[in-house]
Amino acid sequence: MRELILLRHAHAEPATTGQSDLDRPLSPQGLAEAEAVARWLKEQGLVPDRVLCSPARRTRETLEAVMDAIGYVEQRLEERIYEATPGTLADLADQHREAERLLLVGHNPGLEQLAALMYSGVTSEYRGMPPAGVVVLTLPADASFEPGVAQLSAFWWP
């Protein structure tokens, strides 16, 4: 079995005039949420083998809090995660299938739709994934990232 962990970034500050959405930092609430996620992942023993993270500042800051708690693991910024569809995210995860535990740090609606697709087989079944929400999906070691192939192991948020 292998695991796919989906982590939505924590609460971010609203964009200021002229500021790119990519440059929005975490809010003070978001920083606290990111630290709570880090503690929960560590307590659950959910240390990934590899991390793929959106280049947005809020995702990088969320990931930084996680890495501070669990230690360094292989991480890559992946531009395709920003504004990704569930299909793009599934394709990215499938390209890293040798990782026994892969963490994707990104955004909605792509993450919540991917979770629904992997678990139920359809994207219309999602119920929402709050900021700093974590979904843990378990799938057979030899399975491709296909609709309905995964089991939902955990759904948590601070």
N, C-alpha and C. Protein backbone atom coordinates (compact mmCIF):
# COMPACT_ATOMS: atom_id res chain seq x y z
N MET A 1 0.85 -1.19 0.00
CA MET A 1 0.00 0.00 0.00
C MET A 1 0.88 1.24 0.00
N ARG A 2 0.35 2.30 -0.56
CA ARG A 2 1.04 3.58 -0.51
C ARG A 2 0.01 4.65 -0.20
N GLU A 3 0.51 5.82 0.17
CA GLU A 3 -0.38 6.89 0.60
C GLU A 3 -0.13 8.16 -0.20
N LEU A 4 -1.23 8.85 -0.45
CA LEU A 4 -1.21 10.18 -1.04
C LEU A 4 -1.82 11.11 -0.01
N ILE A 5 -1.03 12.09 0.43
CA ILE A 5 -1.50 13.07 1.40
C ILE A 5 -1.73 14.38 0.65
N LEU A 6 -2.93 14.91 0.78
CA LEU A 6 -3.27 16.19 0.17
C LEU A 6 -3.38 17.23 1.28
N LEU A 7 -2.66 18.32 1.14
CA LEU A 7 -2.67 19.39 2.14
C LEU A 7 -3.01 20.70 1.45
N ARG A 8 -4.14 21.27 1.85
CA ARG A 8 -4.49 22.60 1.35
C ARG A 8 -3.74 23.63 2.19
N HIS A 9 -3.25 24.68 1.56
CA HIS A 9 -2.55 25.73 2.31
C HIS A 9 -3.44 26.29 3.40
N ALA A 10 -2.82 26.83 4.43
CA ALA A 10 -3.53 27.45 5.53
C ALA A 10 -4.06 28.83 5.10
N HIS A 11 -4.84 29.47 5.98
CA HIS A 11 -5.42 30.78 5.66
C HIS A 11 -4.34 31.78 5.25
N ALA A 12 -4.64 32.51 4.20
CA ALA A 12 -3.70 33.51 3.68
C ALA A 12 -4.30 34.90 3.81
N GLU A 13 -3.42 35.88 3.79
CA GLU A 13 -3.86 37.27 3.77
C GLU A 13 -4.53 37.56 2.42
N PRO A 14 -5.50 38.47 2.40
CA PRO A 14 -6.05 38.87 1.11
C PRO A 14 -4.99 39.62 0.31
N ALA A 15 -5.12 39.59 -0.99
CA ALA A 15 -4.16 40.30 -1.83
C ALA A 15 -4.31 41.80 -1.62
N THR A 16 -3.19 42.48 -1.57
CA THR A 16 -3.21 43.94 -1.50
C THR A 16 -3.26 44.47 -2.93
N THR A 17 -3.54 45.74 -3.08
CA THR A 17 -3.64 46.34 -4.40
C THR A 17 -2.35 46.12 -5.18
N GLY A 18 -2.50 45.51 -6.34
CA GLY A 18 -1.36 45.26 -7.20
C GLY A 18 -0.56 44.02 -6.87
N GLN A 19 -0.90 43.33 -5.79
CA GLN A 19 -0.17 42.13 -5.38
C GLN A 19 -0.66 40.92 -6.16
N SER A 20 0.25 40.13 -6.64
CA SER A 20 -0.09 38.89 -7.33
C SER A 20 -0.65 37.89 -6.34
N ASP A 21 -1.61 37.10 -6.79
CA ASP A 21 -2.16 36.05 -5.93
C ASP A 21 -1.08 35.09 -5.48
N LEU A 22 -0.09 34.85 -6.32
CA LEU A 22 1.02 33.95 -5.96
C LEU A 22 1.83 34.45 -4.77
N ASP A 23 1.79 35.76 -4.51
CA ASP A 23 2.62 36.35 -3.46
C ASP A 23 1.90 36.54 -2.13
N ARG A 24 0.68 36.04 -1.99
CA ARG A 24 -0.06 36.22 -0.74
C ARG A 24 0.55 35.36 0.37
N PRO A 25 0.92 35.99 1.51
CA PRO A 25 1.49 35.23 2.63
C PRO A 25 0.40 34.64 3.51
N LEU A 26 0.80 33.74 4.40
CA LEU A 26 -0.13 33.25 5.40
C LEU A 26 -0.48 34.37 6.38
N SER A 27 -1.69 34.33 6.87
CA SER A 27 -2.12 35.25 7.92
C SER A 27 -1.62 34.71 9.26
N PRO A 28 -1.71 35.49 10.33
CA PRO A 28 -1.35 34.94 11.65
C PRO A 28 -2.16 33.68 11.98
N GLN A 29 -3.45 33.67 11.63
CA GLN A 29 -4.26 32.47 11.83
C GLN A 29 -3.71 31.32 11.00
N GLY A 30 -3.32 31.61 9.77
CA GLY A 30 -2.76 30.59 8.89
C GLY A 30 -1.47 30.00 9.42
N LEU A 31 -0.62 30.85 10.00
CA LEU A 31 0.63 30.34 10.59
C LEU A 31 0.34 29.36 11.72
N ALA A 32 -0.65 29.70 12.55
CA ALA A 32 -1.03 28.80 13.65
C ALA A 32 -1.61 27.50 13.10
N GLU A 33 -2.41 27.60 12.05
CA GLU A 33 -2.98 26.40 11.42
C GLU A 33 -1.88 25.50 10.84
N ALA A 34 -0.92 26.12 10.17
CA ALA A 34 0.18 25.35 9.57
C ALA A 34 0.97 24.61 10.65
N GLU A 35 1.20 25.26 11.77
CA GLU A 35 1.89 24.60 12.88
C GLU A 35 1.06 23.45 13.45
N ALA A 36 -0.27 23.62 13.51
CA ALA A 36 -1.15 22.56 13.99
C ALA A 36 -1.12 21.36 13.04
N VAL A 37 -1.14 21.63 11.74
CA VAL A 37 -1.05 20.56 10.74
C VAL A 37 0.26 19.80 10.92
N ALA A 38 1.33 20.53 11.10
CA ALA A 38 2.64 19.91 11.27
C ALA A 38 2.64 18.97 12.46
N ARG A 39 2.09 19.44 13.59
CA ARG A 39 2.03 18.59 14.79
C ARG A 39 1.18 17.35 14.53
N TRP A 40 0.04 17.51 13.86
CA TRP A 40 -0.84 16.38 13.60
C TRP A 40 -0.17 15.35 12.70
N LEU A 41 0.46 15.81 11.62
CA LEU A 41 1.15 14.89 10.72
C LEU A 41 2.23 14.11 11.47
N LYS A 42 2.98 14.82 12.32
CA LYS A 42 4.05 14.17 13.08
C LYS A 42 3.46 13.15 14.06
N GLU A 43 2.39 13.53 14.77
CA GLU A 43 1.75 12.62 15.72
C GLU A 43 1.21 11.37 15.04
N GLN A 44 0.74 11.51 13.82
CA GLN A 44 0.18 10.38 13.07
C GLN A 44 1.25 9.54 12.37
N GLY A 45 2.50 10.01 12.43
CA GLY A 45 3.58 9.30 11.74
C GLY A 45 3.49 9.42 10.22
N LEU A 46 2.89 10.50 9.75
CA LEU A 46 2.69 10.70 8.32
C LEU A 46 3.81 11.57 7.73
N VAL A 47 5.01 11.05 7.78
CA VAL A 47 6.17 11.74 7.21
C VAL A 47 6.30 11.29 5.76
N PRO A 48 6.19 12.21 4.81
CA PRO A 48 6.24 11.81 3.40
C PRO A 48 7.65 11.48 2.94
N ASP A 49 7.71 10.68 1.88
CA ASP A 49 8.98 10.41 1.21
C ASP A 49 9.35 11.56 0.29
N ARG A 50 8.33 12.18 -0.26
CA ARG A 50 8.54 13.27 -1.23
C ARG A 50 7.37 14.24 -1.12
N VAL A 51 7.67 15.52 -1.37
CA VAL A 51 6.66 16.56 -1.34
C VAL A 51 6.68 17.31 -2.67
N LEU A 52 5.50 17.52 -3.22
CA LEU A 52 5.32 18.39 -4.37
C LEU A 52 4.49 19.57 -3.90
N CYS A 53 4.99 20.78 -4.11
CA CYS A 53 4.35 21.97 -3.56
C CYS A 53 4.14 23.01 -4.64
N SER A 54 2.99 23.65 -4.60
CA SER A 54 2.71 24.79 -5.48
C SER A 54 3.73 25.89 -5.20
N PRO A 55 4.05 26.70 -6.21
CA PRO A 55 5.01 27.78 -5.98
C PRO A 55 4.42 28.99 -5.24
N ALA A 56 3.13 28.99 -4.96
CA ALA A 56 2.52 30.12 -4.26
C ALA A 56 3.15 30.28 -2.87
N ARG A 57 3.30 31.52 -2.47
CA ARG A 57 3.94 31.80 -1.17
C ARG A 57 3.20 31.12 -0.01
N ARG A 58 1.87 31.14 -0.04
CA ARG A 58 1.10 30.56 1.07
C ARG A 58 1.28 29.04 1.18
N THR A 59 1.49 28.37 0.05
CA THR A 59 1.74 26.93 0.12
C THR A 59 3.15 26.66 0.62
N ARG A 60 4.10 27.47 0.16
CA ARG A 60 5.49 27.29 0.61
C ARG A 60 5.61 27.55 2.10
N GLU A 61 4.90 28.57 2.61
CA GLU A 61 4.95 28.86 4.04
C GLU A 61 4.26 27.76 4.85
N THR A 62 3.19 27.18 4.32
CA THR A 62 2.54 26.05 4.99
C THR A 62 3.50 24.88 5.06
N LEU A 63 4.14 24.59 3.94
CA LEU A 63 5.10 23.48 3.90
C LEU A 63 6.28 23.72 4.84
N GLU A 64 6.74 24.95 4.92
CA GLU A 64 7.87 25.27 5.81
C GLU A 64 7.55 24.90 7.26
N ALA A 65 6.33 25.21 7.69
CA ALA A 65 5.93 24.85 9.06
C ALA A 65 5.93 23.33 9.24
N VAL A 66 5.47 22.61 8.23
CA VAL A 66 5.46 21.15 8.30
C VAL A 66 6.88 20.61 8.38
N MET A 67 7.76 21.11 7.53
CA MET A 67 9.15 20.63 7.52
C MET A 67 9.85 20.95 8.83
N ASP A 68 9.53 22.09 9.45
CA ASP A 68 10.13 22.43 10.74
C ASP A 68 9.78 21.39 11.80
N ALA A 69 8.60 20.79 11.69
CA ALA A 69 8.16 19.82 12.69
C ALA A 69 8.62 18.40 12.39
N ILE A 70 8.58 18.00 11.12
CA ILE A 70 8.85 16.59 10.80
C ILE A 70 10.26 16.35 10.28
N GLY A 71 10.98 17.41 9.98
CA GLY A 71 12.31 17.26 9.44
C GLY A 71 12.30 17.35 7.92
N TYR A 72 13.48 17.42 7.37
CA TYR A 72 13.60 17.60 5.93
C TYR A 72 13.28 16.31 5.18
N VAL A 73 12.52 16.45 4.12
CA VAL A 73 12.30 15.37 3.16
C VAL A 73 12.45 15.98 1.77
N GLU A 74 12.57 15.13 0.77
CA GLU A 74 12.71 15.61 -0.60
C GLU A 74 11.49 16.44 -0.98
N GLN A 75 11.74 17.64 -1.49
CA GLN A 75 10.65 18.54 -1.87
C GLN A 75 10.95 19.19 -3.21
N ARG A 76 9.88 19.39 -3.96
CA ARG A 76 9.99 20.03 -5.28
C ARG A 76 8.86 21.03 -5.44
N LEU A 77 9.20 22.20 -5.93
CA LEU A 77 8.15 23.14 -6.33
C LEU A 77 7.64 22.68 -7.68
N GLU A 78 6.33 22.63 -7.80
CA GLU A 78 5.71 22.15 -9.02
C GLU A 78 4.68 23.18 -9.48
N GLU A 79 5.03 23.92 -10.53
CA GLU A 79 4.17 24.99 -11.02
C GLU A 79 2.79 24.51 -11.42
N ARG A 80 2.67 23.27 -11.88
CA ARG A 80 1.38 22.78 -12.35
C ARG A 80 0.35 22.60 -11.23
N ILE A 81 0.78 22.63 -9.97
CA ILE A 81 -0.18 22.48 -8.88
C ILE A 81 -1.04 23.73 -8.73
N TYR A 82 -0.47 24.89 -9.00
CA TYR A 82 -1.23 26.14 -8.88
C TYR A 82 -2.34 26.14 -9.94
N GLU A 83 -3.59 26.28 -9.49
CA GLU A 83 -4.78 26.28 -10.36
C GLU A 83 -4.96 24.96 -11.12
N ALA A 84 -4.48 23.85 -10.55
CA ALA A 84 -4.55 22.55 -11.22
C ALA A 84 -5.94 21.95 -11.16
N THR A 85 -6.26 21.20 -12.20
CA THR A 85 -7.47 20.38 -12.22
C THR A 85 -7.17 19.08 -11.51
N PRO A 86 -8.19 18.31 -11.13
CA PRO A 86 -7.93 17.01 -10.52
C PRO A 86 -7.14 16.09 -11.45
N GLY A 87 -7.38 16.19 -12.74
CA GLY A 87 -6.64 15.36 -13.69
C GLY A 87 -5.17 15.67 -13.70
N THR A 88 -4.83 16.95 -13.65
CA THR A 88 -3.42 17.37 -13.61
C THR A 88 -2.76 16.86 -12.33
N LEU A 89 -3.46 16.99 -11.20
CA LEU A 89 -2.91 16.54 -9.93
C LEU A 89 -2.72 15.02 -9.91
N ALA A 90 -3.69 14.29 -10.46
CA ALA A 90 -3.56 12.83 -10.53
C ALA A 90 -2.38 12.44 -11.40
N ASP A 91 -2.20 13.15 -12.52
CA ASP A 91 -1.08 12.87 -13.40
C ASP A 91 0.25 13.14 -12.69
N LEU A 92 0.34 14.24 -11.95
CA LEU A 92 1.56 14.55 -11.19
C LEU A 92 1.84 13.45 -10.17
N ALA A 93 0.83 13.05 -9.43
CA ALA A 93 1.01 11.99 -8.43
C ALA A 93 1.45 10.69 -9.09
N ASP A 94 0.86 10.39 -10.23
CA ASP A 94 1.21 9.15 -10.93
C ASP A 94 2.67 9.18 -11.41
N GLN A 95 3.19 10.35 -11.73
CA GLN A 95 4.58 10.47 -12.16
C GLN A 95 5.55 10.23 -11.01
N HIS A 96 5.05 10.23 -9.78
CA HIS A 96 5.89 10.02 -8.59
C HIS A 96 5.42 8.78 -7.83
N ARG A 97 4.96 7.79 -8.56
CA ARG A 97 4.38 6.59 -7.95
C ARG A 97 5.39 5.76 -7.17
N GLU A 98 6.70 5.99 -7.39
CA GLU A 98 7.69 5.24 -6.61
C GLU A 98 7.77 5.72 -5.17
N ALA A 99 7.23 6.89 -4.88
CA ALA A 99 7.19 7.39 -3.50
C ALA A 99 6.09 6.65 -2.75
N GLU A 100 6.44 6.02 -1.65
CA GLU A 100 5.44 5.28 -0.87
C GLU A 100 4.46 6.21 -0.18
N ARG A 101 4.91 7.40 0.17
CA ARG A 101 4.03 8.39 0.80
C ARG A 101 4.36 9.75 0.16
N LEU A 102 3.43 10.22 -0.66
CA LEU A 102 3.61 11.47 -1.41
C LEU A 102 2.69 12.52 -0.83
N LEU A 103 3.24 13.70 -0.58
CA LEU A 103 2.47 14.84 -0.07
C LEU A 103 2.36 15.88 -1.18
N LEU A 104 1.11 16.28 -1.49
CA LEU A 104 0.86 17.39 -2.42
C LEU A 104 0.36 18.56 -1.60
N VAL A 105 1.01 19.71 -1.72
CA VAL A 105 0.59 20.92 -1.01
C VAL A 105 0.07 21.89 -2.06
N GLY A 106 -1.22 22.21 -1.97
CA GLY A 106 -1.80 23.02 -3.03
C GLY A 106 -3.05 23.76 -2.63
N HIS A 107 -3.99 23.80 -3.58
CA HIS A 107 -5.13 24.72 -3.51
C HIS A 107 -6.44 24.01 -3.85
N ASN A 108 -7.52 24.64 -3.45
CA ASN A 108 -8.84 24.23 -3.90
C ASN A 108 -9.21 25.03 -5.14
N PRO A 109 -10.10 24.53 -5.97
CA PRO A 109 -10.89 23.33 -5.79
C PRO A 109 -10.18 22.04 -6.22
N GLY A 110 -9.00 22.15 -6.81
CA GLY A 110 -8.31 20.97 -7.34
C GLY A 110 -8.09 19.87 -6.32
N LEU A 111 -7.61 20.22 -5.11
CA LEU A 111 -7.32 19.19 -4.11
C LEU A 111 -8.57 18.46 -3.65
N GLU A 112 -9.63 19.23 -3.33
CA GLU A 112 -10.84 18.56 -2.85
C GLU A 112 -11.50 17.72 -3.95
N GLN A 113 -11.39 18.18 -5.18
CA GLN A 113 -11.94 17.40 -6.29
C GLN A 113 -11.11 16.14 -6.54
N LEU A 114 -9.79 16.24 -6.40
CA LEU A 114 -8.95 15.06 -6.54
C LEU A 114 -9.28 14.03 -5.45
N ALA A 115 -9.46 14.49 -4.23
CA ALA A 115 -9.81 13.58 -3.14
C ALA A 115 -11.11 12.84 -3.47
N ALA A 116 -12.12 13.57 -3.90
CA ALA A 116 -13.40 12.94 -4.25
C ALA A 116 -13.23 11.97 -5.42
N LEU A 117 -12.48 12.36 -6.42
CA LEU A 117 -12.28 11.52 -7.59
C LEU A 117 -11.57 10.21 -7.24
N MET A 118 -10.53 10.32 -6.44
CA MET A 118 -9.75 9.13 -6.07
C MET A 118 -10.55 8.19 -5.18
N TYR A 119 -11.41 8.76 -4.33
CA TYR A 119 -12.16 7.96 -3.37
C TYR A 119 -13.48 7.44 -3.96
N SER A 120 -14.28 8.35 -4.52
CA SER A 120 -15.62 7.96 -4.97
C SER A 120 -15.73 7.75 -6.47
N GLY A 121 -14.75 8.25 -7.21
CA GLY A 121 -14.78 8.09 -8.66
C GLY A 121 -15.37 9.27 -9.40
N VAL A 122 -15.93 10.24 -8.68
CA VAL A 122 -16.51 11.42 -9.34
C VAL A 122 -16.14 12.67 -8.56
N THR A 123 -15.91 13.76 -9.26
CA THR A 123 -15.51 15.00 -8.59
C THR A 123 -16.69 15.72 -7.96
N SER A 124 -17.91 15.39 -8.33
CA SER A 124 -19.07 16.08 -7.77
C SER A 124 -19.38 15.63 -6.34
N GLU A 125 -18.67 14.63 -5.83
CA GLU A 125 -18.92 14.10 -4.50
C GLU A 125 -18.15 14.82 -3.40
N TYR A 126 -17.40 15.87 -3.73
CA TYR A 126 -16.61 16.52 -2.68
C TYR A 126 -17.49 17.34 -1.76
N ARG A 127 -17.05 17.49 -0.55
CA ARG A 127 -17.80 18.22 0.48
C ARG A 127 -17.07 19.45 0.97
N GLY A 128 -15.92 19.73 0.43
CA GLY A 128 -15.16 20.89 0.86
C GLY A 128 -13.94 20.48 1.65
N MET A 129 -12.90 21.25 1.48
CA MET A 129 -11.64 21.01 2.18
C MET A 129 -11.21 22.36 2.72
N PRO A 130 -11.30 22.56 4.02
CA PRO A 130 -10.99 23.86 4.60
C PRO A 130 -9.50 24.20 4.51
N PRO A 131 -9.16 25.48 4.69
CA PRO A 131 -7.74 25.83 4.73
C PRO A 131 -7.02 24.98 5.78
N ALA A 132 -5.84 24.51 5.44
CA ALA A 132 -5.01 23.64 6.26
C ALA A 132 -5.63 22.26 6.44
N GLY A 133 -6.59 21.91 5.59
CA GLY A 133 -7.20 20.59 5.64
C GLY A 133 -6.25 19.55 5.07
N VAL A 134 -6.33 18.35 5.63
CA VAL A 134 -5.48 17.23 5.20
C VAL A 134 -6.38 16.04 4.83
N VAL A 135 -6.13 15.48 3.68
CA VAL A 135 -6.78 14.24 3.26
C VAL A 135 -5.69 13.21 3.05
N VAL A 136 -5.87 12.02 3.64
CA VAL A 136 -4.93 10.93 3.45
C VAL A 136 -5.66 9.82 2.70
N LEU A 137 -5.14 9.49 1.53
CA LEU A 137 -5.70 8.44 0.69
C LEU A 137 -4.74 7.27 0.64
N THR A 138 -5.26 6.06 0.75
CA THR A 138 -4.46 4.85 0.66
C THR A 138 -4.84 4.12 -0.61
N LEU A 139 -3.84 3.64 -1.35
CA LEU A 139 -4.12 2.90 -2.57
C LEU A 139 -3.12 1.76 -2.72
N PRO A 140 -3.48 0.74 -3.50
CA PRO A 140 -2.56 -0.38 -3.70
C PRO A 140 -1.24 0.10 -4.30
N ALA A 141 -0.17 -0.57 -3.91
CA ALA A 141 1.18 -0.16 -4.34
C ALA A 141 1.33 -0.13 -5.85
N ASP A 142 0.67 -1.03 -6.54
CA ASP A 142 0.86 -1.11 -8.00
C ASP A 142 -0.22 -0.39 -8.79
N ALA A 143 -1.14 0.29 -8.12
CA ALA A 143 -2.26 0.93 -8.81
C ALA A 143 -1.87 2.27 -9.40
N SER A 144 -2.45 2.57 -10.55
CA SER A 144 -2.33 3.90 -11.14
C SER A 144 -3.30 4.83 -10.41
N PHE A 145 -3.06 6.10 -10.51
CA PHE A 145 -3.96 7.09 -9.90
C PHE A 145 -5.18 7.24 -10.80
N GLU A 146 -6.18 6.43 -10.52
CA GLU A 146 -7.40 6.37 -11.32
C GLU A 146 -8.61 6.65 -10.43
N PRO A 147 -9.72 7.09 -11.01
CA PRO A 147 -10.92 7.33 -10.22
C PRO A 147 -11.36 6.10 -9.43
N GLY A 148 -11.67 6.33 -8.16
CA GLY A 148 -12.20 5.29 -7.29
C GLY A 148 -11.21 4.28 -6.77
N VAL A 149 -9.91 4.45 -7.01
CA VAL A 149 -8.92 3.45 -6.63
C VAL A 149 -8.50 3.54 -5.15
N ALA A 150 -8.77 4.67 -4.51
CA ALA A 150 -8.23 4.91 -3.17
C ALA A 150 -9.28 4.75 -2.07
N GLN A 151 -8.77 4.52 -0.88
CA GLN A 151 -9.60 4.54 0.32
C GLN A 151 -9.24 5.78 1.12
N LEU A 152 -10.23 6.40 1.73
CA LEU A 152 -10.00 7.56 2.57
C LEU A 152 -9.56 7.08 3.93
N SER A 153 -8.30 7.37 4.29
CA SER A 153 -7.74 6.95 5.57
C SER A 153 -7.94 7.99 6.66
N ALA A 154 -7.90 9.28 6.27
CA ALA A 154 -8.05 10.35 7.26
C ALA A 154 -8.48 11.63 6.56
N PHE A 155 -9.26 12.42 7.28
CA PHE A 155 -9.64 13.78 6.86
C PHE A 155 -9.57 14.62 8.11
N TRP A 156 -8.67 15.59 8.15
CA TRP A 156 -8.43 16.36 9.37
C TRP A 156 -8.18 17.82 9.00
N TRP A 157 -8.56 18.71 9.91
CA TRP A 157 -8.23 20.13 9.79
C TRP A 157 -8.17 20.74 11.17
N PRO A 158 -7.39 21.81 11.33
CA PRO A 158 -7.27 22.44 12.65
C PRO A 158 -8.53 23.21 13.06
